Amino acid sequence: MPWPYADVTRRQLEERKDLVERLLQKLGAVPTGLGLPHPVSGYGPGMGETFLSQRTVFRCGKVFVRVDEVLFPQKPFLVMEWAGREEDVRNNGMEDTDPFPWDLGEEEILAELQKLLENGEK
C-alpha cells in the first residue's frame, strides 16, 4: 500500500527521529553497537506500511533506548523502545513506552525524553 499520510512524508518522519536521536545525545545518551535492524509495521483502516528500521540503540545510564514509530490512522506517532538489560536488546526484546505525536516541538520532545530517562533510572 502507498504511504497513508497526506500531511507528512516518510522523509519528514525519519528527520524527526534524527532529531530525537540528537536530543538523546544532548541528554548524555551514548550510541551502542547493539540492536540489529528490525522490521517496523503499521496498519489501520485503509493503510499499511512495513520497512526495515536501522535506528541506533543508545545507553542512557542503566537503560537502553531506541526511537521507533507507531503508524496510527490519523498520523504517525513516535515511541521510545527501552530495555534494562543488554540481553533484551540483543534478543529484540525492547519494550515500547507511551507514544507521542511525531510533530511535537523540540522542547516537548525533550520533556518526553527527560521523563523517560528519569523513570528508567529508578
PDB file of N, CA and C in Angstrom:
ATOM      1  N   MET A   1       0.839  -1.186   0.000  1.00  0.00           N
ATOM      2  CA  MET A   1       0.000   0.000   0.000  1.00  0.00           C
ATOM      3  C   MET A   1       0.884   1.249   0.000  1.00  0.00           C
ATOM      4  N   PRO A   2       0.417   2.317  -0.568  1.00  0.00           N
ATOM      5  CA  PRO A   2       1.199   3.556  -0.560  1.00  0.00           C
ATOM      6  C   PRO A   2       1.223   4.189   0.829  1.00  0.00           C
ATOM      7  N   TRP A   3       2.161   5.102   1.014  1.00  0.00           N
ATOM      8  CA  TRP A   3       2.270   5.865   2.266  1.00  0.00           C
ATOM      9  C   TRP A   3       0.908   6.485   2.554  1.00  0.00           C
ATOM     10  N   PRO A   4       0.372   6.294   3.756  1.00  0.00           N
ATOM     11  CA  PRO A   4      -1.024   6.665   4.021  1.00  0.00           C
ATOM     12  C   PRO A   4      -1.292   8.120   4.420  1.00  0.00           C
ATOM     13  N   TYR A   5      -0.277   8.940   4.534  1.00  0.00           N
ATOM     14  CA  TYR A   5      -0.488  10.289   5.070  1.00  0.00           C
ATOM     15  C   TYR A   5      -0.251  11.358   4.006  1.00  0.00           C
ATOM     16  N   ALA A   6      -1.154  12.322   3.951  1.00  0.00           N
ATOM     17  CA  ALA A   6      -1.006  13.451   3.032  1.00  0.00           C
ATOM     18  C   ALA A   6      -0.204  14.576   3.675  1.00  0.00           C
ATOM     19  N   ASP A   7      -0.218  14.651   5.005  1.00  0.00           N
ATOM     20  CA  ASP A   7       0.389  15.782   5.719  1.00  0.00           C
ATOM     21  C   ASP A   7       1.831  15.564   6.150  1.00  0.00           C
ATOM     22  N   VAL A   8       2.348  14.366   5.987  1.00  0.00           N
ATOM     23  CA  VAL A   8       3.729  14.073   6.403  1.00  0.00           C
ATOM     24  C   VAL A   8       4.303  13.007   5.474  1.00  0.00           C
ATOM     25  N   THR A   9       5.566  13.178   5.118  1.00  0.00           N
ATOM     26  CA  THR A   9       6.243  12.197   4.270  1.00  0.00           C
ATOM     27  C   THR A   9       7.089  11.263   5.137  1.00  0.00           C
ATOM     28  N   ARG A  10       7.482  10.149   4.564  1.00  0.00           N
ATOM     29  CA  ARG A  10       8.398   9.224   5.256  1.00  0.00           C
ATOM     30  C   ARG A  10       9.686   9.975   5.613  1.00  0.00           C
ATOM     31  N   ARG A  11      10.163  10.802   4.701  1.00  0.00           N
ATOM     32  CA  ARG A  11      11.396  11.553   4.957  1.00  0.00           C
ATOM     33  C   ARG A  11      11.238  12.479   6.166  1.00  0.00           C
ATOM     34  N   GLN A  12      10.116  13.186   6.260  1.00  0.00           N
ATOM     35  CA  GLN A  12       9.890  14.071   7.409  1.00  0.00           C
ATOM     36  C   GLN A  12       9.866  13.281   8.714  1.00  0.00           C
ATOM     37  N   LEU A  13       9.239  12.119   8.691  1.00  0.00           N
ATOM     38  CA  LEU A  13       9.189  11.291   9.897  1.00  0.00           C
ATOM     39  C   LEU A  13      10.588  10.832  10.292  1.00  0.00           C
ATOM     40  N   GLU A  14      11.392  10.417   9.313  1.00  0.00           N
ATOM     41  CA  GLU A  14      12.761   9.987   9.608  1.00  0.00           C
ATOM     42  C   GLU A  14      13.608  11.158  10.123  1.00  0.00           C
ATOM     43  N   GLU A  15      13.398  12.355   9.575  1.00  0.00           N
ATOM     44  CA  GLU A  15      14.121  13.524  10.064  1.00  0.00           C
ATOM     45  C   GLU A  15      13.748  13.845  11.512  1.00  0.00           C
ATOM     46  N   ARG A  16      12.497  13.608  11.870  1.00  0.00           N
ATOM     47  CA  ARG A  16      12.088  13.839  13.257  1.00  0.00           C
ATOM     48  C   ARG A  16      12.741  12.815  14.177  1.00  0.00           C
ATOM     49  N   LYS A  17      12.897  11.580  13.714  1.00  0.00           N
ATOM     50  CA  LYS A  17      13.597  10.570  14.503  1.00  0.00           C
ATOM     51  C   LYS A  17      15.077  10.937  14.652  1.00  0.00           C
ATOM     52  N   ASP A  18      15.657  11.541  13.598  1.00  0.00           N
ATOM     53  CA  ASP A  18      17.033  12.040  13.708  1.00  0.00           C
ATOM     54  C   ASP A  18      17.133  13.073  14.829  1.00  0.00           C
ATOM     55  N   LEU A  19      16.140  13.965  14.907  1.00  0.00           N
ATOM     56  CA  LEU A  19      16.112  14.979  15.964  1.00  0.00           C
ATOM     57  C   LEU A  19      16.065  14.316  17.338  1.00  0.00           C
ATOM     58  N   VAL A  20      15.219  13.304  17.484  1.00  0.00           N
ATOM     59  CA  VAL A  20      15.119  12.593  18.764  1.00  0.00           C
ATOM     60  C   VAL A  20      16.476  12.016  19.144  1.00  0.00           C
ATOM     61  N   GLU A  21      17.181  11.434  18.191  1.00  0.00           N
ATOM     62  CA  GLU A  21      18.495  10.864  18.490  1.00  0.00           C
ATOM     63  C   GLU A  21      19.493  11.951  18.901  1.00  0.00           C
ATOM     64  N   ARG A  22      19.440  13.104  18.260  1.00  0.00           N
ATOM     65  CA  ARG A  22      20.330  14.209  18.658  1.00  0.00           C
ATOM     66  C   ARG A  22      20.001  14.689  20.071  1.00  0.00           C
ATOM     67  N   LEU A  23      18.708  14.749  20.395  1.00  0.00           N
ATOM     68  CA  LEU A  23      18.307  15.176  21.737  1.00  0.00           C
ATOM     69  C   LEU A  23      18.736  14.157  22.787  1.00  0.00           C
ATOM     70  N   LEU A  24      18.654  12.880  22.465  1.00  0.00           N
ATOM     71  CA  LEU A  24      19.133  11.855  23.393  1.00  0.00           C
ATOM     72  C   LEU A  24      20.614  12.080  23.714  1.00  0.00           C
ATOM     73  N   GLN A  25      21.395  12.347  22.690  1.00  0.00           N
ATOM     74  CA  GLN A  25      22.823  12.575  22.905  1.00  0.00           C
ATOM     75  C   GLN A  25      23.060  13.852  23.709  1.00  0.00           C
ATOM     76  N   LYS A  26      22.231  14.853  23.482  1.00  0.00           N
ATOM     77  CA  LYS A  26      22.326  16.088  24.271  1.00  0.00           C
ATOM     78  C   LYS A  26      22.089  15.802  25.755  1.00  0.00           C
ATOM     79  N   LEU A  27      21.248  14.800  26.031  1.00  0.00           N
ATOM     80  CA  LEU A  27      20.947  14.413  27.407  1.00  0.00           C
ATOM     81  C   LEU A  27      21.963  13.418  27.970  1.00  0.00           C
ATOM     82  N   GLY A  28      22.996  13.108  27.200  1.00  0.00           N
ATOM     83  CA  GLY A  28      24.057  12.245  27.698  1.00  0.00           C
ATOM     84  C   GLY A  28      24.000  10.802  27.228  1.00  0.00           C
ATOM     85  N   ALA A  29      23.064  10.463  26.356  1.00  0.00           N
ATOM     86  CA  ALA A  29      22.976   9.100  25.848  1.00  0.00           C
ATOM     87  C   ALA A  29      24.171   8.803  24.948  1.00  0.00           C
ATOM     88  N   VAL A  30      24.617   7.561  24.996  1.00  0.00           N
ATOM     89  CA  VAL A  30      25.779   7.132  24.228  1.00  0.00           C
ATOM     90  C   VAL A  30      25.347   6.052  23.245  1.00  0.00           C
ATOM     91  N   PRO A  31      25.678   6.222  21.946  1.00  0.00           N
ATOM     92  CA  PRO A  31      25.327   5.185  20.973  1.00  0.00           C
ATOM     93  C   PRO A  31      26.044   3.875  21.291  1.00  0.00           C
ATOM     94  N   THR A  32      25.366   2.773  21.040  1.00  0.00           N
ATOM     95  CA  THR A  32      25.956   1.447  21.216  1.00  0.00           C
ATOM     96  C   THR A  32      25.960   0.742  19.866  1.00  0.00           C
ATOM     97  N   GLY A  33      26.627  -0.358  19.806  1.00  0.00           N
ATOM     98  CA  GLY A  33      26.600  -1.183  18.596  1.00  0.00           C
ATOM     99  C   GLY A  33      25.542  -2.268  18.691  1.00  0.00           C
ATOM    100  N   LEU A  34      24.652  -2.131  19.659  1.00  0.00           N
ATOM    101  CA  LEU A  34      23.636  -3.166  19.895  1.00  0.00           C
ATOM    102  C   LEU A  34      22.424  -2.965  18.997  1.00  0.00           C
ATOM    103  N   GLY A  35      21.669  -4.013  18.845  1.00  0.00           N
ATOM    104  CA  GLY A  35      20.396  -3.930  18.139  1.00  0.00           C
ATOM    105  C   GLY A  35      20.571  -4.039  16.638  1.00  0.00           C
ATOM    106  N   LEU A  36      19.994  -5.049  16.072  1.00  0.00           N
ATOM    107  CA  LEU A  36      20.028  -5.248  14.631  1.00  0.00           C
ATOM    108  C   LEU A  36      18.897  -4.463  13.980  1.00  0.00           C
ATOM    109  N   PRO A  37      19.021  -4.157  12.690  1.00  0.00           N
ATOM    110  CA  PRO A  37      17.866  -3.565  12.002  1.00  0.00           C
ATOM    111  C   PRO A  37      16.646  -4.465  12.202  1.00  0.00           C
ATOM    112  N   HIS A  38      15.493  -3.850  12.382  1.00  0.00           N
ATOM    113  CA  HIS A  38      14.299  -4.624  12.679  1.00  0.00           C
ATOM    114  C   HIS A  38      13.115  -4.113  11.868  1.00  0.00           C
ATOM    115  N   PRO A  39      12.212  -5.015  11.481  1.00  0.00           N
ATOM    116  CA  PRO A  39      11.064  -4.583  10.693  1.00  0.00           C
ATOM    117  C   PRO A  39      10.092  -3.770  11.541  1.00  0.00           C
ATOM    118  N   VAL A  40       9.561  -2.715  10.951  1.00  0.00           N
ATOM    119  CA  VAL A  40       8.561  -1.871  11.593  1.00  0.00           C
ATOM    120  C   VAL A  40       7.326  -1.898  10.704  1.00  0.00           C
ATOM    121  N   SER A  41       6.173  -2.181  11.287  1.00  0.00           N
ATOM    122  CA  SER A  41       4.931  -2.238  10.516  1.00  0.00           C
ATOM    123  C   SER A  41       3.872  -1.399  11.185  1.00  0.00           C
ATOM    124  N   GLY A  42       3.031  -0.804  10.402  1.00  0.00           N
ATOM    125  CA  GLY A  42       1.897  -0.058  10.913  1.00  0.00           C
ATOM    126  C   GLY A  42       0.683  -0.357  10.072  1.00  0.00           C
ATOM    127  N   TYR A  43      -0.411  -0.645  10.720  1.00  0.00           N
ATOM    128  CA  TYR A  43      -1.622  -0.987   9.995  1.00  0.00           C
ATOM    129  C   TYR A  43      -2.810  -0.314  10.644  1.00  0.00           C
ATOM    130  N   GLY A  44      -3.775  -0.034   9.848  1.00  0.00           N
ATOM    131  CA  GLY A  44      -5.019   0.552  10.307  1.00  0.00           C
ATOM    132  C   GLY A  44      -6.002   0.518   9.162  1.00  0.00           C
ATOM    133  N   PRO A  45      -7.194   1.043   9.351  1.00  0.00           N
ATOM    134  CA  PRO A  45      -8.178   1.043   8.269  1.00  0.00           C
ATOM    135  C   PRO A  45      -7.644   1.750   7.027  1.00  0.00           C
ATOM    136  N   GLY A  46      -7.530   1.014   5.934  1.00  0.00           N
ATOM    137  CA  GLY A  46      -7.106   1.594   4.671  1.00  0.00           C
ATOM    138  C   GLY A  46      -5.629   1.927   4.581  1.00  0.00           C
ATOM    139  N   MET A  47      -4.789   1.380   5.478  1.00  0.00           N
ATOM    140  CA  MET A  47      -3.368   1.700   5.431  1.00  0.00           C
ATOM    141  C   MET A  47      -2.509   0.509   5.818  1.00  0.00           C
ATOM    142  N   GLY A  48      -1.304   0.522   5.367  1.00  0.00           N
ATOM    143  CA  GLY A  48      -0.328  -0.480   5.755  1.00  0.00           C
ATOM    144  C   GLY A  48       1.048  -0.017   5.331  1.00  0.00           C
ATOM    145  N   GLU A  49       2.044  -0.253   6.156  1.00  0.00           N
ATOM    146  CA  GLU A  49       3.402   0.198   5.869  1.00  0.00           C
ATOM    147  C   GLU A  49       4.363  -0.728   6.601  1.00  0.00           C
ATOM    148  N   THR A  50       5.368  -1.214   5.912  1.00  0.00           N
ATOM    149  CA  THR A  50       6.411  -2.020   6.532  1.00  0.00           C
ATOM    150  C   THR A  50       7.751  -1.584   5.946  1.00  0.00           C
ATOM    151  N   PHE A  51       8.739  -1.409   6.793  1.00  0.00           N
ATOM    152  CA  PHE A  51      10.085  -1.103   6.322  1.00  0.00           C
ATOM    153  C   PHE A  51      11.079  -1.589   7.366  1.00  0.00           C
ATOM    154  N   LEU A  52      12.343  -1.601   6.994  1.00  0.00           N
ATOM    155  CA  LEU A  52      13.400  -2.071   7.878  1.00  0.00           C
ATOM    156  C   LEU A  52      14.029  -0.870   8.565  1.00  0.00           C
ATOM    157  N   SER A  53      13.863  -0.777   9.873  1.00  0.00           N
ATOM    158  CA  SER A  53      14.402   0.339  10.650  1.00  0.00           C
ATOM    159  C   SER A  53      15.858   0.080  10.998  1.00  0.00           C
ATOM    160  N   GLN A  54      16.687   1.102  10.875  1.00  0.00           N
ATOM    161  CA  GLN A  54      18.114   0.989  11.161  1.00  0.00           C
ATOM    162  C   GLN A  54      18.517   1.934  12.280  1.00  0.00           C
ATOM    163  N   ARG A  55      17.633   2.196  13.205  1.00  0.00           N
ATOM    164  CA  ARG A  55      17.880   3.173  14.264  1.00  0.00           C
ATOM    165  C   ARG A  55      18.875   2.672  15.300  1.00  0.00           C
ATOM    166  N   THR A  56      19.627   3.623  15.861  1.00  0.00           N
ATOM    167  CA  THR A  56      20.661   3.345  16.855  1.00  0.00           C
ATOM    168  C   THR A  56      20.051   3.069  18.222  1.00  0.00           C
ATOM    169  N   VAL A  57      20.633   2.106  18.926  1.00  0.00           N
ATOM    170  CA  VAL A  57      20.295   1.872  20.323  1.00  0.00           C
ATOM    171  C   VAL A  57      21.291   2.677  21.156  1.00  0.00           C
ATOM    172  N   PHE A  58      20.774   3.447  22.107  1.00  0.00           N
ATOM    173  CA  PHE A  58      21.597   4.278  22.979  1.00  0.00           C
ATOM    174  C   PHE A  58      21.578   3.730  24.394  1.00  0.00           C
ATOM    175  N   ARG A  59      22.686   3.916  25.094  1.00  0.00           N
ATOM    176  CA  ARG A  59      22.731   3.619  26.526  1.00  0.00           C
ATOM    177  C   ARG A  59      22.557   4.939  27.267  1.00  0.00           C
ATOM    178  N   CYS A  60      21.581   4.939  28.169  1.00  0.00           N
ATOM    179  CA  CYS A  60      21.282   6.125  28.979  1.00  0.00           C
ATOM    180  C   CYS A  60      21.306   5.688  30.434  1.00  0.00           C
ATOM    181  N   GLY A  61      22.451   5.837  31.076  1.00  0.00           N
ATOM    182  CA  GLY A  61      22.561   5.374  32.455  1.00  0.00           C
ATOM    183  C   GLY A  61      22.404   3.870  32.507  1.00  0.00           C
ATOM    184  N   LYS A  62      21.345   3.412  33.164  1.00  0.00           N
ATOM    185  CA  LYS A  62      21.115   1.979  33.349  1.00  0.00           C
ATOM    186  C   LYS A  62      20.246   1.354  32.266  1.00  0.00           C
ATOM    187  N   VAL A  63      19.703   2.147  31.348  1.00  0.00           N
ATOM    188  CA  VAL A  63      18.769   1.619  30.357  1.00  0.00           C
ATOM    189  C   VAL A  63      19.276   1.827  28.935  1.00  0.00           C
ATOM    190  N   PHE A  64      18.707   1.047  28.038  1.00  0.00           N
ATOM    191  CA  PHE A  64      18.957   1.161  26.611  1.00  0.00           C
ATOM    192  C   PHE A  64      17.687   1.684  25.964  1.00  0.00           C
ATOM    193  N   VAL A  65      17.815   2.614  25.022  1.00  0.00           N
ATOM    194  CA  VAL A  65      16.645   3.178  24.346  1.00  0.00           C
ATOM    195  C   VAL A  65      16.905   3.303  22.852  1.00  0.00           C
ATOM    196  N   ARG A  66      15.785   3.285  22.094  1.00  0.00           N
ATOM    197  CA  ARG A  66      15.832   3.465  20.639  1.00  0.00           C
ATOM    198  C   ARG A  66      14.523   4.111  20.221  1.00  0.00           C
ATOM    199  N   VAL A  67      14.583   5.050  19.284  1.00  0.00           N
ATOM    200  CA  VAL A  67      13.371   5.679  18.768  1.00  0.00           C
ATOM    201  C   VAL A  67      12.743   4.769  17.713  1.00  0.00           C
ATOM    202  N   ASP A  68      11.435   4.695  17.747  1.00  0.00           N
ATOM    203  CA  ASP A  68      10.674   3.883  16.807  1.00  0.00           C
ATOM    204  C   ASP A  68       9.400   4.644  16.457  1.00  0.00           C
ATOM    205  N   GLU A  69       8.497   4.011  15.785  1.00  0.00           N
ATOM    206  CA  GLU A  69       7.266   4.678  15.361  1.00  0.00           C
ATOM    207  C   GLU A  69       6.068   3.764  15.503  1.00  0.00           C
ATOM    208  N   VAL A  70       4.915   4.394  15.570  1.00  0.00           N
ATOM    209  CA  VAL A  70       3.630   3.706  15.526  1.00  0.00           C
ATOM    210  C   VAL A  70       2.804   4.462  14.491  1.00  0.00           C
ATOM    211  N   LEU A  71       2.293   3.754  13.511  1.00  0.00           N
ATOM    212  CA  LEU A  71       1.530   4.404  12.447  1.00  0.00           C
ATOM    213  C   LEU A  71       0.040   4.270  12.738  1.00  0.00           C
ATOM    214  N   PHE A  72      -0.514   5.298  13.336  1.00  0.00           N
ATOM    215  CA  PHE A  72      -1.945   5.341  13.610  1.00  0.00           C
ATOM    216  C   PHE A  72      -2.669   5.868  12.381  1.00  0.00           C
ATOM    217  N   PRO A  73      -3.966   5.600  12.236  1.00  0.00           N
ATOM    218  CA  PRO A  73      -4.702   6.070  11.051  1.00  0.00           C
ATOM    219  C   PRO A  73      -4.662   7.592  10.855  1.00  0.00           C
ATOM    220  N   GLN A  74      -4.709   8.362  11.940  1.00  0.00           N
ATOM    221  CA  GLN A  74      -4.756   9.816  11.811  1.00  0.00           C
ATOM    222  C   GLN A  74      -3.401  10.409  11.435  1.00  0.00           C
ATOM    223  N   LYS A  75      -2.351   9.959  12.096  1.00  0.00           N
ATOM    224  CA  LYS A  75      -0.997  10.443  11.838  1.00  0.00           C
ATOM    225  C   LYS A  75      -0.014   9.530  12.555  1.00  0.00           C
ATOM    226  N   PRO A  76       1.257   9.586  12.153  1.00  0.00           N
ATOM    227  CA  PRO A  76       2.259   8.758  12.832  1.00  0.00           C
ATOM    228  C   PRO A  76       2.616   9.330  14.199  1.00  0.00           C
ATOM    229  N   PHE A  77       3.012   8.443  15.081  1.00  0.00           N
ATOM    230  CA  PHE A  77       3.499   8.806  16.404  1.00  0.00           C
ATOM    231  C   PHE A  77       4.894   8.222  16.562  1.00  0.00           C
ATOM    232  N   LEU A  78       5.682   8.842  17.417  1.00  0.00           N
ATOM    233  CA  LEU A  78       6.980   8.290  17.791  1.00  0.00           C
ATOM    234  C   LEU A  78       6.823   7.546  19.106  1.00  0.00           C
ATOM    235  N   VAL A  79       7.633   6.540  19.282  1.00  0.00           N
ATOM    236  CA  VAL A  79       7.628   5.774  20.522  1.00  0.00           C
ATOM    237  C   VAL A  79       9.077   5.435  20.838  1.00  0.00           C
ATOM    238  N   MET A  80       9.392   5.467  22.105  1.00  0.00           N
ATOM    239  CA  MET A  80      10.727   5.064  22.539  1.00  0.00           C
ATOM    240  C   MET A  80      10.657   3.619  23.008  1.00  0.00           C
ATOM    241  N   GLU A  81      11.558   2.817  22.498  1.00  0.00           N
ATOM    242  CA  GLU A  81      11.707   1.453  22.979  1.00  0.00           C
ATOM    243  C   GLU A  81      12.786   1.477  24.056  1.00  0.00           C
ATOM    244  N   TRP A  82      12.638   0.652  25.073  1.00  0.00           N
ATOM    245  CA  TRP A  82      13.638   0.616  26.135  1.00  0.00           C
ATOM    246  C   TRP A  82      13.840  -0.811  26.613  1.00  0.00           C
ATOM    247  N   ALA A  83      14.997  -1.026  27.209  1.00  0.00           N
ATOM    248  CA  ALA A  83      15.316  -2.310  27.836  1.00  0.00           C
ATOM    249  C   ALA A  83      16.269  -2.033  28.987  1.00  0.00           C
ATOM    250  N   GLY A  84      16.163  -2.833  30.014  1.00  0.00           N
ATOM    251  CA  GLY A  84      17.036  -2.689  31.167  1.00  0.00           C
ATOM    252  C   GLY A  84      18.280  -3.547  31.097  1.00  0.00           C
ATOM    253  N   ARG A  85      18.295  -4.476  30.119  1.00  0.00           N
ATOM    254  CA  ARG A  85      19.440  -5.394  30.025  1.00  0.00           C
ATOM    255  C   ARG A  85      19.921  -5.489  28.581  1.00  0.00           C
ATOM    256  N   GLU A  86      21.199  -5.603  28.419  1.00  0.00           N
ATOM    257  CA  GLU A  86      21.786  -5.763  27.090  1.00  0.00           C
ATOM    258  C   GLU A  86      21.236  -7.000  26.389  1.00  0.00           C
ATOM    259  N   GLU A  87      21.008  -8.056  27.142  1.00  0.00           N
ATOM    260  CA  GLU A  87      20.473  -9.297  26.586  1.00  0.00           C
ATOM    261  C   GLU A  87      19.113  -9.061  25.905  1.00  0.00           C
ATOM    262  N   ASP A  88      18.276  -8.229  26.516  1.00  0.00           N
ATOM    263  CA  ASP A  88      16.972  -7.934  25.919  1.00  0.00           C
ATOM    264  C   ASP A  88      17.120  -7.210  24.583  1.00  0.00           C
ATOM    265  N   VAL A  89      18.096  -6.309  24.499  1.00  0.00           N
ATOM    266  CA  VAL A  89      18.342  -5.604  23.231  1.00  0.00           C
ATOM    267  C   VAL A  89      18.788  -6.600  22.171  1.00  0.00           C
ATOM    268  N   ARG A  90      19.722  -7.456  22.529  1.00  0.00           N
ATOM    269  CA  ARG A  90      20.250  -8.446  21.565  1.00  0.00           C
ATOM    270  C   ARG A  90      19.169  -9.398  21.074  1.00  0.00           C
ATOM    271  N   ASN A  91      18.172  -9.679  21.910  1.00  0.00           N
ATOM    272  CA  ASN A  91      17.086 -10.600  21.548  1.00  0.00           C
ATOM    273  C   ASN A  91      15.853  -9.874  21.007  1.00  0.00           C
ATOM    274  N   ASN A  92      16.022  -8.589  20.638  1.00  0.00           N
ATOM    275  CA  ASN A  92      14.921  -7.760  20.146  1.00  0.00           C
ATOM    276  C   ASN A  92      13.742  -7.782  21.116  1.00  0.00           C
ATOM    277  N   GLY A  93      14.071  -7.685  22.420  1.00  0.00           N
ATOM    278  CA  GLY A  93      13.054  -7.718  23.462  1.00  0.00           C
ATOM    279  C   GLY A  93      12.840  -6.365  24.120  1.00  0.00           C
ATOM    280  N   MET A  94      12.988  -5.303  23.354  1.00  0.00           N
ATOM    281  CA  MET A  94      12.780  -3.970  23.916  1.00  0.00           C
ATOM    282  C   MET A  94      11.284  -3.700  24.033  1.00  0.00           C
ATOM    283  N   GLU A  95      10.915  -2.962  25.066  1.00  0.00           N
ATOM    284  CA  GLU A  95       9.521  -2.623  25.335  1.00  0.00           C
ATOM    285  C   GLU A  95       9.216  -1.217  24.844  1.00  0.00           C
ATOM    286  N   ASP A  96       7.971  -0.997  24.422  1.00  0.00           N
ATOM    287  CA  ASP A  96       7.546   0.338  23.988  1.00  0.00           C
ATOM    288  C   ASP A  96       7.059   1.172  25.162  1.00  0.00           C
ATOM    289  N   THR A  97       7.368   2.457  25.123  1.00  0.00           N
ATOM    290  CA  THR A  97       6.800   3.408  26.074  1.00  0.00           C
ATOM    291  C   THR A  97       5.544   4.003  25.435  1.00  0.00           C
ATOM    292  N   ASP A  98       4.916   4.949  26.108  1.00  0.00           N
ATOM    293  CA  ASP A  98       3.737   5.603  25.538  1.00  0.00           C
ATOM    294  C   ASP A  98       4.140   6.413  24.308  1.00  0.00           C
ATOM    295  N   PRO A  99       3.409   6.265  23.207  1.00  0.00           N
ATOM    296  CA  PRO A  99       3.739   7.033  22.005  1.00  0.00           C
ATOM    297  C   PRO A  99       3.392   8.509  22.157  1.00  0.00           C
ATOM    298  N   PHE A 100       4.082   9.337  21.384  1.00  0.00           N
ATOM    299  CA  PHE A 100       3.778  10.767  21.360  1.00  0.00           C
ATOM    300  C   PHE A 100       3.754  11.234  19.903  1.00  0.00           C
ATOM    301  N   PRO A 101       2.982  12.276  19.587  1.00  0.00           N
ATOM    302  CA  PRO A 101       2.842  12.719  18.199  1.00  0.00           C
ATOM    303  C   PRO A 101       4.192  13.068  17.564  1.00  0.00           C
ATOM    304  N   TRP A 102       4.351  12.701  16.332  1.00  0.00           N
ATOM    305  CA  TRP A 102       5.604  12.932  15.624  1.00  0.00           C
ATOM    306  C   TRP A 102       5.919  14.415  15.485  1.00  0.00           C
ATOM    307  N   ASP A 103       4.874  15.250  15.512  1.00  0.00           N
ATOM    308  CA  ASP A 103       5.047  16.666  15.218  1.00  0.00           C
ATOM    309  C   ASP A 103       5.117  17.557  16.460  1.00  0.00           C
ATOM    310  N   LEU A 104       5.430  16.970  17.615  1.00  0.00           N
ATOM    311  CA  LEU A 104       5.682  17.805  18.795  1.00  0.00           C
ATOM    312  C   LEU A 104       6.874  18.716  18.519  1.00  0.00           C
ATOM    313  N   GLY A 105       6.915  19.847  19.194  1.00  0.00           N
ATOM    314  CA  GLY A 105       8.062  20.736  19.092  1.00  0.00           C
ATOM    315  C   GLY A 105       9.271  20.150  19.811  1.00  0.00           C
ATOM    316  N   GLU A 106      10.422  20.722  19.539  1.00  0.00           N
ATOM    317  CA  GLU A 106      11.665  20.214  20.112  1.00  0.00           C
ATOM    318  C   GLU A 106      11.648  20.205  21.639  1.00  0.00           C
ATOM    319  N   GLU A 107      11.142  21.267  22.262  1.00  0.00           N
ATOM    320  CA  GLU A 107      11.094  21.334  23.729  1.00  0.00           C
ATOM    321  C   GLU A 107      10.156  20.272  24.302  1.00  0.00           C
ATOM    322  N   GLU A 108       9.057  20.007  23.604  1.00  0.00           N
ATOM    323  CA  GLU A 108       8.116  18.982  24.074  1.00  0.00           C
ATOM    324  C   GLU A 108       8.730  17.589  23.954  1.00  0.00           C
ATOM    325  N   ILE A 109       9.454  17.351  22.872  1.00  0.00           N
ATOM    326  CA  ILE A 109      10.136  16.064  22.716  1.00  0.00           C
ATOM    327  C   ILE A 109      11.199  15.904  23.798  1.00  0.00           C
ATOM    328  N   LEU A 110      11.940  16.970  24.046  1.00  0.00           N
ATOM    329  CA  LEU A 110      12.963  16.933  25.092  1.00  0.00           C
ATOM    330  C   LEU A 110      12.341  16.578  26.445  1.00  0.00           C
ATOM    331  N   ALA A 111      11.186  17.150  26.741  1.00  0.00           N
ATOM    332  CA  ALA A 111      10.490  16.839  28.003  1.00  0.00           C
ATOM    333  C   ALA A 111      10.077  15.368  28.046  1.00  0.00           C
ATOM    334  N   GLU A 112       9.595  14.824  26.932  1.00  0.00           N
ATOM    335  CA  GLU A 112       9.230  13.397  26.874  1.00  0.00           C
ATOM    336  C   GLU A 112      10.453  12.527  27.156  1.00  0.00           C
ATOM    337  N   LEU A 113      11.580  12.872  26.549  1.00  0.00           N
ATOM    338  CA  LEU A 113      12.799  12.086  26.739  1.00  0.00           C
ATOM    339  C   LEU A 113      13.322  12.189  28.171  1.00  0.00           C
ATOM    340  N   GLN A 114      13.272  13.381  28.745  1.00  0.00           N
ATOM    341  CA  GLN A 114      13.726  13.556  30.134  1.00  0.00           C
ATOM    342  C   GLN A 114      12.873  12.716  31.079  1.00  0.00           C
ATOM    343  N   LYS A 115      11.567  12.703  30.854  1.00  0.00           N
ATOM    344  CA  LYS A 115      10.662  11.906  31.687  1.00  0.00           C
ATOM    345  C   LYS A 115      11.004  10.422  31.566  1.00  0.00           C
ATOM    346  N   LEU A 116      11.235   9.959  30.350  1.00  0.00           N
ATOM    347  CA  LEU A 116      11.585   8.571  30.121  1.00  0.00           C
ATOM    348  C   LEU A 116      12.885   8.205  30.844  1.00  0.00           C
ATOM    349  N   LEU A 117      13.893   9.050  30.701  1.00  0.00           N
ATOM    350  CA  LEU A 117      15.199   8.750  31.297  1.00  0.00           C
ATOM    351  C   LEU A 117      15.149   8.817  32.822  1.00  0.00           C
ATOM    352  N   GLU A 118      14.382   9.741  33.362  1.00  0.00           N
ATOM    353  CA  GLU A 118      14.220   9.817  34.827  1.00  0.00           C
ATOM    354  C   GLU A 118      13.553   8.557  35.348  1.00  0.00           C
ATOM    355  N   ASN A 119      12.533   8.073  34.666  1.00  0.00           N
ATOM    356  CA  ASN A 119      11.842   6.851  35.086  1.00  0.00           C
ATOM    357  C   ASN A 119      12.737   5.628  34.924  1.00  0.00           C
ATOM    358  N   GLY A 120      13.593   5.627  33.916  1.00  0.00           N
ATOM    359  CA  GLY A 120      14.490   4.498  33.682  1.00  0.00           C
ATOM    360  C   GLY A 120      15.579   4.385  34.720  1.00  0.00           C
ATOM    361  N   GLU A 121      15.909   5.472  35.379  1.00  0.00           N
ATOM    362  CA  GLU A 121      16.957   5.453  36.403  1.00  0.00           C
ATOM    363  C   GLU A 121      16.446   4.952  37.744  1.00  0.00           C
ATOM    364  N   LYS A 122      15.155   4.815  37.905  1.00  0.00           N
ATOM    365  CA  LYS A 122      14.589   4.400  39.192  1.00  0.00           C
ATOM    366  C   LYS A 122      14.597   2.916  39.356  1.00  0.00           C
TER     367      LYS A 122
END
